Structures are given as structure tokens and as C-alpha cells.
């Protein structure tokens, strides 16, 4: 067990407050820049592997997914019996999802909610496209109250 001295604790608290201020400032700056800051304007490539015709299972979501416009990562390690996702977000530091769930209906969908690191309620609502092996959908930036079209490719 590591024991911190009083000066170490004060330093850690100052560093945490600074990190929160920086994250908030960055969020506000992105909100002022507008939608182009969140997702590049170039369309996603349309070439895709041929589909096999087999049904897609929730396991298709497992893996590491990267958002090309900023390098943000979603890592899905496991999927529970009710669609609960064992997943983490990296931007670039690790942030836990407050909620991460997949559903299977007409399409395979995944919903992620962030409640940490200045994201307070920001969400990803993504649909798996088996033809291109991508997750496509929207990112809602709760602090700026803006939605952006986004996609993730498998890493």
C-alpha cells in the first residue's frame, strides 16, 4: 500500500483540478469550433468486404474500434447475456462508460454513455455495418448539446 504525505496529496488534488479545468476548456473550445471539429468532412470509404449471408451475432462487436477523425478508441472485451458490454473509452486517457449495452433487432446496435472526465451524459449510438465492418452512428456531446455523425473502424 502506498502512503502519500500531505504535500503529495495537495499536489495530486491540484493536478486533478487542473485536469478537470483543461478538459472543460477543451470541451467548450470544441463546441465553439463547431461540428467540423468532431468529425472530418471527408466521407467514409465505401469499399467493403462481401457479406457471407450468415446472421451477425453480438460477438461481432468485440474488439478495438478507432474513430479515425481523432483516434478515440472503444474497446469491447466481452458481452454479457443481456447485451451488457464490458467496454472502455480512450480519449486518449481511459474513461469508463456509465452504460454500455448492445441490442439485436433488425440491426446490431450499441449504446454507450459517458459520465466522467467532463463528458457528463455524452453518448454514442452506433449501428454495426457488417458489409464494411464499421460502427456508424451519432455522438451526442452533452456539454455542447450537439450531435455529430461518426464512425469507428476495427483496429
C-alpha atoms as a PDB file:
ATOM      1  CA  UNK A   1       0.000   0.000   0.000  1.00  0.00           C
ATOM      2  CA  UNK A   2       1.352   3.432  -0.931  1.00  0.00           C
ATOM      3  CA  UNK A   3       1.120   6.148   1.674  1.00  0.00           C
ATOM      4  CA  UNK A   4       1.135   9.740   0.476  1.00  0.00           C
ATOM      5  CA  UNK A   5       2.356  12.662   2.534  1.00  0.00           C
ATOM      6  CA  UNK A   6       0.240  15.788   2.984  1.00  0.00           C
ATOM      7  CA  UNK A   7       2.257  17.722   0.319  1.00  0.00           C
ATOM      8  CA  UNK A   8       1.806  14.776  -2.093  1.00  0.00           C
ATOM      9  CA  UNK A   9      -1.957  14.806  -1.540  1.00  0.00           C
ATOM     10  CA  UNK A  10      -2.145  18.570  -2.096  1.00  0.00           C
ATOM     11  CA  UNK A  11      -0.130  18.191  -5.309  1.00  0.00           C
ATOM     12  CA  UNK A  12      -2.396  15.364  -6.527  1.00  0.00           C
ATOM     13  CA  UNK A  13      -5.515  17.407  -5.773  1.00  0.00           C
ATOM     14  CA  UNK A  14      -4.117  20.431  -7.650  1.00  0.00           C
ATOM     15  CA  UNK A  15      -3.242  18.233 -10.621  1.00  0.00           C
ATOM     16  CA  UNK A  16      -6.743  16.739 -10.638  1.00  0.00           C
ATOM     17  CA  UNK A  17      -8.378  20.183 -10.541  1.00  0.00           C
ATOM     18  CA  UNK A  18      -6.105  21.341 -13.387  1.00  0.00           C
ATOM     19  CA  UNK A  19      -7.010  18.275 -15.474  1.00  0.00           C
ATOM     20  CA  UNK A  20     -10.729  18.937 -14.957  1.00  0.00           C
ATOM     21  CA  UNK A  21     -10.302  22.609 -15.944  1.00  0.00           C
ATOM     22  CA  UNK A  22      -8.347  21.617 -19.066  1.00  0.00           C
ATOM     23  CA  UNK A  23     -10.963  19.028 -20.081  1.00  0.00           C
ATOM     24  CA  UNK A  24     -13.760  21.576 -19.588  1.00  0.00           C
ATOM     25  CA  UNK A  25     -11.881  24.222 -21.592  1.00  0.00           C
ATOM     26  CA  UNK A  26     -11.231  21.782 -24.419  1.00  0.00           C
ATOM     27  CA  UNK A  27     -14.896  20.767 -24.491  1.00  0.00           C
ATOM     28  CA  UNK A  28     -16.020  24.387 -24.656  1.00  0.00           C
ATOM     29  CA  UNK A  29     -13.451  25.175 -27.371  1.00  0.00           C
ATOM     30  CA  UNK A  30     -14.693  22.270 -29.470  1.00  0.00           C
ATOM     31  CA  UNK A  31     -18.261  23.454 -29.004  1.00  0.00           C
ATOM     32  CA  UNK A  32     -17.331  26.889 -30.334  1.00  0.00           C
ATOM     33  CA  UNK A  33     -15.432  25.482 -33.326  1.00  0.00           C
ATOM     34  CA  UNK A  34     -18.493  23.540 -34.450  1.00  0.00           C
ATOM     35  CA  UNK A  35     -19.288  20.170 -35.968  1.00  0.00           C
ATOM     36  CA  UNK A  36     -16.228  20.030 -38.212  1.00  0.00           C
ATOM     37  CA  UNK A  37     -14.004  19.650 -35.155  1.00  0.00           C
ATOM     38  CA  UNK A  38     -15.733  16.443 -34.069  1.00  0.00           C
ATOM     39  CA  UNK A  39     -15.804  14.547 -37.375  1.00  0.00           C
ATOM     40  CA  UNK A  40     -13.872  15.130 -40.581  1.00  0.00           C
ATOM     41  CA  UNK A  41     -15.870  16.199 -43.606  1.00  0.00           C
ATOM     42  CA  UNK A  42     -14.465  13.519 -45.878  1.00  0.00           C
ATOM     43  CA  UNK A  43     -16.955  10.684 -46.387  1.00  0.00           C
ATOM     44  CA  UNK A  44     -16.084   7.238 -45.128  1.00  0.00           C
ATOM     45  CA  UNK A  45     -14.683   4.922 -47.806  1.00  0.00           C
ATOM     46  CA  UNK A  46     -17.437   2.844 -49.363  1.00  0.00           C
ATOM     47  CA  UNK A  47     -15.443  -0.225 -50.349  1.00  0.00           C
ATOM     48  CA  UNK A  48     -16.422  -3.167 -48.198  1.00  0.00           C
ATOM     49  CA  UNK A  49     -15.807  -6.875 -47.991  1.00  0.00           C
ATOM     50  CA  UNK A  50     -18.532  -9.108 -49.344  1.00  0.00           C
ATOM     51  CA  UNK A  51     -21.000 -10.333 -46.742  1.00  0.00           C
ATOM     52  CA  UNK A  52     -21.303 -14.036 -46.102  1.00  0.00           C
ATOM     53  CA  UNK A  53     -25.077 -14.076 -45.651  1.00  0.00           C
ATOM     54  CA  UNK A  54     -24.667 -15.540 -42.144  1.00  0.00           C
ATOM     55  CA  UNK A  55     -26.533 -13.855 -39.295  1.00  0.00           C
ATOM     56  CA  UNK A  56     -24.440 -11.359 -37.344  1.00  0.00           C
ATOM     57  CA  UNK A  57     -24.172 -12.056 -33.607  1.00  0.00           C
ATOM     58  CA  UNK A  58     -23.375  -9.671 -30.764  1.00  0.00           C
ATOM     59  CA  UNK A  59     -19.851 -11.126 -30.747  1.00  0.00           C
ATOM     60  CA  UNK A  60     -19.178  -9.123 -33.933  1.00  0.00           C
ATOM     61  CA  UNK A  61     -18.841  -6.082 -31.658  1.00  0.00           C
ATOM     62  CA  UNK A  62     -15.888  -7.472 -29.700  1.00  0.00           C
ATOM     63  CA  UNK A  63     -12.565  -5.819 -30.402  1.00  0.00           C
ATOM     64  CA  UNK A  64     -10.887  -2.448 -30.611  1.00  0.00           C
ATOM     65  CA  UNK A  65     -12.637   0.280 -32.595  1.00  0.00           C
ATOM     66  CA  UNK A  66     -10.985   3.554 -33.613  1.00  0.00           C
ATOM     67  CA  UNK A  67     -12.674   6.801 -34.634  1.00  0.00           C
ATOM     68  CA  UNK A  68     -10.431   7.993 -37.491  1.00  0.00           C
ATOM     69  CA  UNK A  69     -11.056  11.717 -37.009  1.00  0.00           C
ATOM     70  CA  UNK A  70      -9.415  11.842 -33.593  1.00  0.00           C
ATOM     71  CA  UNK A  71      -8.036   8.462 -32.663  1.00  0.00           C
ATOM     72  CA  UNK A  72     -10.678   7.918 -29.964  1.00  0.00           C
ATOM     73  CA  UNK A  73     -10.971   4.230 -29.065  1.00  0.00           C
ATOM     74  CA  UNK A  74     -13.755   1.988 -27.862  1.00  0.00           C
ATOM     75  CA  UNK A  75     -12.532  -1.388 -26.647  1.00  0.00           C
ATOM     76  CA  UNK A  76     -15.195  -4.075 -26.199  1.00  0.00           C
ATOM     77  CA  UNK A  77     -13.766  -7.023 -24.287  1.00  0.00           C
ATOM     78  CA  UNK A  78     -16.854  -9.085 -23.549  1.00  0.00           C
ATOM     79  CA  UNK A  79     -20.625  -9.192 -23.990  1.00  0.00           C
ATOM     80  CA  UNK A  80     -22.965 -10.352 -21.246  1.00  0.00           C
ATOM     81  CA  UNK A  81     -26.070 -12.484 -21.737  1.00  0.00           C
ATOM     82  CA  UNK A  82     -28.402  -9.444 -21.720  1.00  0.00           C
ATOM     83  CA  UNK A  83     -26.189  -7.407 -24.057  1.00  0.00           C
ATOM     84  CA  UNK A  84     -24.158  -5.674 -21.341  1.00  0.00           C
ATOM     85  CA  UNK A  85     -20.820  -4.624 -22.819  1.00  0.00           C
ATOM     86  CA  UNK A  86     -17.547  -4.840 -20.924  1.00  0.00           C
ATOM     87  CA  UNK A  87     -16.132  -1.783 -22.679  1.00  0.00           C
ATOM     88  CA  UNK A  88     -13.809   1.180 -22.121  1.00  0.00           C
ATOM     89  CA  UNK A  89     -13.288   4.510 -23.896  1.00  0.00           C
ATOM     90  CA  UNK A  90      -9.884   6.085 -24.579  1.00  0.00           C
ATOM     91  CA  UNK A  91      -9.573   9.799 -25.394  1.00  0.00           C
ATOM     92  CA  UNK A  92      -6.554   9.307 -25.051  1.00  0.00           C
ATOM     93  CA  UNK A  93      -6.854   8.519 -21.336  1.00  0.00           C
ATOM     94  CA  UNK A  94      -9.103   5.719 -20.142  1.00  0.00           C
ATOM     95  CA  UNK A  95     -12.667   6.680 -19.276  1.00  0.00           C
ATOM     96  CA  UNK A  96     -15.221   4.164 -18.028  1.00  0.00           C
ATOM     97  CA  UNK A  97     -18.641   4.019 -19.621  1.00  0.00           C
ATOM     98  CA  UNK A  98     -21.518   4.640 -17.204  1.00  0.00           C
ATOM     99  CA  UNK A  99     -23.627   2.499 -19.529  1.00  0.00           C
ATOM    100  CA  UNK A 100     -22.644   0.214 -22.408  1.00  0.00           C
ATOM    101  CA  UNK A 101     -25.214  -2.110 -23.959  1.00  0.00           C
ATOM    102  CA  UNK A 102     -25.813  -3.883 -27.265  1.00  0.00           C
ATOM    103  CA  UNK A 103     -29.137  -4.888 -28.769  1.00  0.00           C
ATOM    104  CA  UNK A 104     -30.008  -7.205 -31.619  1.00  0.00           C
ATOM    105  CA  UNK A 105     -33.091  -6.472 -33.722  1.00  0.00           C
ATOM    106  CA  UNK A 106     -33.254  -5.638 -37.400  1.00  0.00           C
ATOM    107  CA  UNK A 107     -29.680  -4.423 -36.920  1.00  0.00           C
ATOM    108  CA  UNK A 108     -26.945  -4.803 -34.331  1.00  0.00           C
ATOM    109  CA  UNK A 109     -26.791  -1.648 -32.218  1.00  0.00           C
ATOM    110  CA  UNK A 110     -24.586  -0.399 -29.387  1.00  0.00           C
ATOM    111  CA  UNK A 111     -25.255   2.449 -26.949  1.00  0.00           C
ATOM    112  CA  UNK A 112     -22.526   3.978 -24.773  1.00  0.00           C
ATOM    113  CA  UNK A 113     -22.874   6.692 -22.140  1.00  0.00           C
ATOM    114  CA  UNK A 114     -20.028   8.635 -20.533  1.00  0.00           C
ATOM    115  CA  UNK A 115     -20.387  10.346 -17.156  1.00  0.00           C
ATOM    116  CA  UNK A 116     -16.717  11.029 -16.334  1.00  0.00           C
ATOM    117  CA  UNK A 117     -13.956  13.395 -17.362  1.00  0.00           C
ATOM    118  CA  UNK A 118     -16.144  16.328 -18.417  1.00  0.00           C
ATOM    119  CA  UNK A 119     -18.391  14.260 -20.700  1.00  0.00           C
ATOM    120  CA  UNK A 120     -21.371  14.287 -18.293  1.00  0.00           C
ATOM    121  CA  UNK A 121     -24.021  12.420 -20.269  1.00  0.00           C
ATOM    122  CA  UNK A 122     -22.369  12.330 -23.697  1.00  0.00           C
ATOM    123  CA  UNK A 123     -23.448   9.287 -25.710  1.00  0.00           C
ATOM    124  CA  UNK A 124     -22.587   7.193 -28.730  1.00  0.00           C
ATOM    125  CA  UNK A 125     -25.465   5.461 -30.549  1.00  0.00           C
ATOM    126  CA  UNK A 126     -23.900   3.166 -33.119  1.00  0.00           C
ATOM    127  CA  UNK A 127     -25.079   0.534 -35.590  1.00  0.00           C
ATOM    128  CA  UNK A 128     -22.831  -2.261 -36.803  1.00  0.00           C
ATOM    129  CA  UNK A 129     -22.457  -2.432 -40.604  1.00  0.00           C
ATOM    130  CA  UNK A 130     -21.299  -5.977 -41.414  1.00  0.00           C
ATOM    131  CA  UNK A 131     -20.567  -5.115 -45.057  1.00  0.00           C
ATOM    132  CA  UNK A 132     -17.882  -2.597 -44.090  1.00  0.00           C
ATOM    133  CA  UNK A 133     -17.129  -3.957 -40.585  1.00  0.00           C
ATOM    134  CA  UNK A 134     -17.741  -0.485 -39.102  1.00  0.00           C
ATOM    135  CA  UNK A 135     -19.738   1.066 -36.318  1.00  0.00           C
ATOM    136  CA  UNK A 136     -21.684   4.083 -37.633  1.00  0.00           C
ATOM    137  CA  UNK A 137     -23.989   6.476 -35.881  1.00  0.00           C
ATOM    138  CA  UNK A 138     -24.103   9.612 -33.789  1.00  0.00           C
ATOM    139  CA  UNK A 139     -22.114  11.114 -30.972  1.00  0.00           C
ATOM    140  CA  UNK A 140     -24.041  13.443 -28.677  1.00  0.00           C
ATOM    141  CA  UNK A 141     -21.716  15.890 -26.920  1.00  0.00           C
ATOM    142  CA  UNK A 142     -23.827  16.682 -23.857  1.00  0.00           C
ATOM    143  CA  UNK A 143     -21.878  19.708 -22.613  1.00  0.00           C
ATOM    144  CA  UNK A 144     -22.157  21.460 -26.011  1.00  0.00           C
ATOM    145  CA  UNK A 145     -25.612  19.940 -26.684  1.00  0.00           C
ATOM    146  CA  UNK A 146     -24.574  18.964 -30.224  1.00  0.00           C
ATOM    147  CA  UNK A 147     -24.844  15.767 -32.292  1.00  0.00           C
ATOM    148  CA  UNK A 148     -22.242  14.610 -34.788  1.00  0.00           C
ATOM    149  CA  UNK A 149     -22.236  11.803 -37.352  1.00  0.00           C
ATOM    150  CA  UNK A 150     -19.341   9.476 -36.555  1.00  0.00           C
ATOM    151  CA  UNK A 151     -17.968   6.079 -37.457  1.00  0.00           C
ATOM    152  CA  UNK A 152     -15.451   3.640 -35.996  1.00  0.00           C
ATOM    153  CA  UNK A 153     -13.286   1.144 -37.863  1.00  0.00           C
ATOM    154  CA  UNK A 154     -11.914  -2.054 -36.416  1.00  0.00           C
ATOM    155  CA  UNK A 155      -8.277  -1.714 -35.351  1.00  0.00           C
END
